Amino acid sequence: MRKRLFNKANASACLGLLLCFPSVLPLSGCAVGQLIGAMEESRRRNSKKPVEAEYKGIEGKSFAVLVAAPPVLQAEYPALVSRLTFEVTLRLAREAGASGVVPAERVIDWTYNRPNWVAKPLGEVAKEMGVQRIVYIDVTEYRLNDKGNSYLWDGVAGATVSVVEADGVLADDFAFTKALSVKFPDQGGFTQADISGPAVNSVLTSRLSDRIAWLFFLHEEDYYPKY
């Protein structure tokens, strides 16, 4: 008798649950697959993935970061070269496993006192600076908006990143070269009322610095990178 009462109680409870949650129904194989796929997609959008370095030759070597930009860009964005030099040097010194580094402030001072350095073979520059690697960043584009529409932000920054191996056979040739480009904002339609000019400039430079530095060490990126 107690067993029958227990079964009736369970049956009543189950019926109540089904009435309260009528949408809880058995899923077909297709629906289960869609649910799993949606869950996996959500996980990816909120996760990061490891990305290998594209050039590992800084590990165990001394290096200096040199940044060049057209005079017109330096005039319009006077802090661009120094900021890229500082940020990339710091990241590589911390993450790339180098044996030594020329501090950014010394590099900037060195280039300031030698304005013709860009005309010299980089292998010779490396010897003058006493390093085995030169990370050469040639800024090819930098703007905060389209020339045809100064009202809307449309930031783009581009650079070619190259490495000279001064202790190699071809000391003046590039052992590695990579062209990069980043943008900000990610979507159009933003004006000065939405984002300030200094903020756009800051994010754009940071994104370019990230992309340059990430070439040289194992790092994590968003599963779906924004830049």
Protein backbone atom coordinates (compact mmCIF):
# COMPACT_ATOMS: atom_id res chain seq x y z
CA MET A 1 0.00 0.00 0.00
CA ARG A 2 2.82 2.41 0.87
CA LYS A 3 4.52 1.56 -2.42
CA ARG A 4 1.39 2.45 -4.40
CA LEU A 5 1.02 5.74 -2.49
CA PHE A 6 4.66 6.61 -3.21
CA ASN A 7 4.21 5.90 -6.93
CA LYS A 8 1.07 8.01 -7.09
CA ALA A 9 2.88 10.88 -5.40
CA ASN A 10 5.72 10.68 -7.88
CA ALA A 11 3.30 10.52 -10.77
CA SER A 12 1.47 13.59 -9.53
CA ALA A 13 4.73 15.47 -9.12
CA CYS A 14 5.87 14.57 -12.64
CA LEU A 15 2.53 15.61 -14.10
CA GLY A 16 2.79 18.91 -12.27
CA LEU A 17 6.23 19.57 -13.69
CA LEU A 18 5.04 18.86 -17.21
CA LEU A 19 2.12 21.23 -16.76
CA CYS A 20 4.38 23.94 -15.37
CA PHE A 21 6.99 23.51 -18.11
CA PRO A 22 5.10 22.52 -21.25
CA SER A 23 8.07 23.53 -23.42
CA VAL A 24 10.31 20.82 -21.93
CA LEU A 25 9.87 18.18 -24.61
CA PRO A 26 12.16 15.53 -26.02
CA LEU A 27 14.63 16.99 -28.54
CA SER A 28 15.22 15.48 -31.95
CA GLY A 29 18.76 14.72 -33.07
CA CYS A 30 18.76 17.83 -35.28
CA ALA A 31 17.59 20.08 -32.44
CA VAL A 32 20.22 18.67 -30.09
CA GLY A 33 22.87 19.37 -32.69
CA GLN A 34 21.66 22.94 -33.11
CA LEU A 35 21.65 23.47 -29.34
CA ILE A 36 25.20 22.15 -28.99
CA GLY A 37 26.31 24.29 -31.92
CA ALA A 38 24.78 27.42 -30.38
CA MET A 39 26.46 26.69 -27.04
CA GLU A 40 29.82 26.17 -28.74
CA GLU A 41 29.45 29.39 -30.72
CA SER A 42 28.65 31.28 -27.52
CA ARG A 43 31.73 29.79 -25.86
CA ARG A 44 33.93 30.83 -28.77
CA ARG A 45 32.66 34.40 -28.75
CA ASN A 46 33.63 34.72 -25.09
CA SER A 47 36.94 32.87 -25.17
CA LYS A 48 40.51 33.29 -26.34
CA LYS A 49 42.84 31.06 -28.32
CA PRO A 50 46.65 30.70 -28.29
CA VAL A 51 48.45 32.03 -31.37
CA GLU A 52 52.04 31.13 -32.19
CA ALA A 53 54.71 33.71 -33.03
CA GLU A 54 55.37 34.24 -36.72
CA TYR A 55 59.03 35.07 -36.05
CA LYS A 56 60.89 33.51 -33.10
CA GLY A 57 64.37 34.81 -33.86
CA ILE A 58 64.44 37.40 -31.08
CA GLU A 59 64.61 34.69 -28.41
CA GLY A 60 68.10 34.62 -26.91
CA LYS A 61 69.21 37.66 -28.95
CA SER A 62 69.67 41.36 -28.25
CA PHE A 63 67.46 43.77 -30.16
CA ALA A 64 66.37 47.34 -30.77
CA VAL A 65 63.11 48.66 -32.21
CA LEU A 66 63.36 51.36 -34.86
CA VAL A 67 60.28 53.17 -36.17
CA ALA A 68 60.17 55.22 -39.35
CA ALA A 69 57.24 57.28 -40.66
CA PRO A 70 56.79 59.84 -43.46
CA PRO A 71 57.45 63.45 -42.34
CA VAL A 72 53.84 64.41 -43.05
CA LEU A 73 52.58 61.77 -40.61
CA GLN A 74 55.11 62.77 -37.96
CA ALA A 75 54.01 66.37 -38.30
CA GLU A 76 50.33 65.50 -37.91
CA TYR A 77 50.89 62.89 -35.16
CA PRO A 78 54.09 63.94 -33.39
CA ALA A 79 53.84 61.26 -30.66
CA LEU A 80 53.28 58.36 -33.05
CA VAL A 81 56.90 57.25 -33.56
CA SER A 82 57.90 57.53 -29.91
CA ARG A 83 54.79 55.75 -28.66
CA LEU A 84 55.22 52.84 -31.06
CA THR A 85 58.89 52.60 -30.10
CA PHE A 86 58.11 52.52 -26.38
CA GLU A 87 55.15 50.13 -26.54
CA VAL A 88 56.69 47.56 -28.89
CA THR A 89 60.07 47.63 -27.12
CA LEU A 90 58.41 47.06 -23.76
CA ARG A 91 56.29 44.16 -24.99
CA LEU A 92 59.16 42.38 -26.71
CA ALA A 93 61.54 42.87 -23.78
CA ARG A 94 58.92 41.33 -21.50
CA GLU A 95 57.58 38.51 -23.69
CA ALA A 96 59.95 37.54 -26.52
CA GLY A 97 62.75 35.95 -24.46
CA ALA A 98 65.48 38.34 -25.66
CA SER A 99 68.91 38.39 -24.05
CA GLY A 100 69.18 42.18 -24.17
CA VAL A 101 67.42 45.31 -25.39
CA VAL A 102 68.26 48.91 -26.18
CA PRO A 103 65.73 50.95 -24.13
CA ALA A 104 63.25 52.95 -26.16
CA GLU A 105 64.42 56.31 -24.83
CA ARG A 106 67.99 55.55 -25.98
CA VAL A 107 66.74 54.52 -29.41
CA ILE A 108 64.73 57.72 -29.80
CA ASP A 109 67.70 59.81 -28.68
CA TRP A 110 69.99 57.91 -31.07
CA THR A 111 67.70 58.47 -34.08
CA TYR A 112 67.12 62.13 -33.16
CA ASN A 113 70.85 62.80 -33.24
CA ARG A 114 71.29 60.85 -36.48
CA PRO A 115 68.48 62.02 -38.78
CA ASN A 116 70.12 60.27 -41.74
CA TRP A 117 69.93 56.84 -40.11
CA VAL A 118 67.11 55.79 -42.44
CA ALA A 119 69.55 55.96 -45.37
CA LYS A 120 72.02 53.57 -43.74
CA PRO A 121 72.01 49.77 -44.19
CA LEU A 122 70.24 48.34 -41.15
CA GLY A 123 73.03 45.83 -40.61
CA GLU A 124 75.34 48.79 -40.04
CA VAL A 125 72.78 50.41 -37.75
CA ALA A 126 72.61 47.20 -35.71
CA LYS A 127 76.39 47.20 -35.27
CA GLU A 128 76.37 50.84 -34.16
CA MET A 129 73.68 50.04 -31.62
CA GLY A 130 75.42 46.84 -30.51
CA VAL A 131 72.51 44.47 -31.13
CA GLN A 132 71.92 41.26 -33.05
CA ARG A 133 68.40 42.09 -34.22
CA ILE A 134 66.76 45.23 -35.53
CA VAL A 135 62.96 45.27 -35.53
CA TYR A 136 62.22 47.87 -38.17
CA ILE A 137 58.70 49.33 -38.27
CA ASP A 138 57.88 51.38 -41.35
CA VAL A 139 54.57 53.17 -40.80
CA THR A 140 52.88 53.32 -44.20
CA GLU A 141 49.48 54.77 -43.26
CA TYR A 142 47.91 56.50 -40.29
CA ARG A 143 44.68 58.46 -40.29
CA LEU A 144 41.73 59.01 -37.99
CA ASN A 145 39.14 59.66 -40.67
CA ASP A 146 38.60 59.52 -44.38
CA LYS A 147 39.91 62.60 -46.17
CA GLY A 148 36.56 62.95 -47.84
CA ASN A 149 34.62 62.96 -44.57
CA SER A 150 36.26 64.51 -41.53
CA TYR A 151 33.00 64.35 -39.58
CA LEU A 152 32.98 60.56 -39.15
CA TRP A 153 35.78 58.56 -37.51
CA ASP A 154 37.34 55.98 -39.82
CA GLY A 155 40.76 55.29 -38.30
CA VAL A 156 43.28 53.14 -40.18
CA ALA A 157 46.91 52.38 -39.29
CA GLY A 158 49.26 50.37 -41.45
CA ALA A 159 52.91 49.35 -41.15
CA THR A 160 55.45 46.98 -42.61
CA VAL A 161 57.42 45.13 -39.92
CA SER A 162 60.81 43.72 -40.82
CA VAL A 163 63.69 42.09 -38.96
CA VAL A 164 67.41 42.33 -39.71
CA GLU A 165 69.65 39.58 -38.35
CA ALA A 166 72.94 41.40 -37.93
CA ASP A 167 74.78 38.21 -36.92
CA GLY A 168 73.62 36.38 -40.04
CA VAL A 169 75.24 35.92 -43.44
CA LEU A 170 73.05 38.58 -45.10
CA ALA A 171 73.22 41.19 -42.36
CA ASP A 172 71.61 43.98 -44.41
CA ASP A 173 68.72 41.94 -45.78
CA PHE A 174 65.37 41.36 -44.13
CA ALA A 175 65.06 37.91 -42.59
CA PHE A 176 61.37 38.50 -41.94
CA THR A 177 58.77 40.93 -43.32
CA LYS A 178 55.08 41.33 -42.58
CA ALA A 179 52.58 44.00 -43.62
CA LEU A 180 49.90 44.85 -41.04
CA SER A 181 46.80 47.02 -40.93
CA VAL A 182 44.30 47.79 -38.16
CA LYS A 183 41.25 50.00 -37.89
CA PHE A 184 39.10 51.75 -35.29
CA PRO A 185 36.19 52.12 -34.69
CA ASP A 186 35.07 48.64 -35.71
CA GLN A 187 31.84 50.01 -37.13
CA GLY A 188 31.01 53.18 -38.99
CA GLY A 189 28.80 56.03 -37.93
CA PHE A 190 30.76 57.35 -34.93
CA THR A 191 31.34 61.10 -34.71
CA GLN A 192 33.18 63.44 -32.34
CA ALA A 193 30.03 63.51 -30.25
CA ASP A 194 30.49 59.76 -29.62
CA ILE A 195 34.29 59.37 -29.32
CA SER A 196 36.97 62.03 -28.90
CA GLY A 197 39.85 62.38 -31.32
CA PRO A 198 42.52 61.56 -28.68
CA ALA A 199 40.60 58.39 -27.78
CA VAL A 200 40.48 57.22 -31.41
CA ASN A 201 44.19 57.99 -31.80
CA SER A 202 45.07 56.11 -28.59
CA VAL A 203 43.11 52.97 -29.46
CA LEU A 204 44.44 52.93 -33.02
CA THR A 205 48.07 53.15 -31.87
CA SER A 206 47.51 50.47 -29.21
CA ARG A 207 46.00 48.11 -31.76
CA LEU A 208 48.90 48.60 -34.14
CA SER A 209 51.38 48.05 -31.27
CA ASP A 210 49.60 44.84 -30.31
CA ARG A 211 49.65 43.46 -33.83
CA ILE A 212 53.34 44.25 -34.23
CA ALA A 213 54.39 42.81 -30.88
CA TRP A 214 52.28 39.67 -31.28
CA LEU A 215 54.37 38.66 -34.30
CA PHE A 216 57.23 37.75 -31.98
CA PHE A 217 55.85 35.62 -29.15
CA LEU A 218 53.16 33.11 -28.23
CA HIS A 219 50.09 35.03 -27.11
CA GLU A 220 46.33 34.83 -26.72
CA GLU A 221 43.78 36.50 -28.96
CA ASP A 222 40.01 36.63 -28.99
CA TYR A 223 38.57 33.61 -30.83
CA TYR A 224 37.05 36.10 -33.26
CA PRO A 225 39.60 38.98 -33.23
CA LYS A 226 38.29 42.50 -33.61
CA TYR A 227 41.60 43.64 -35.10
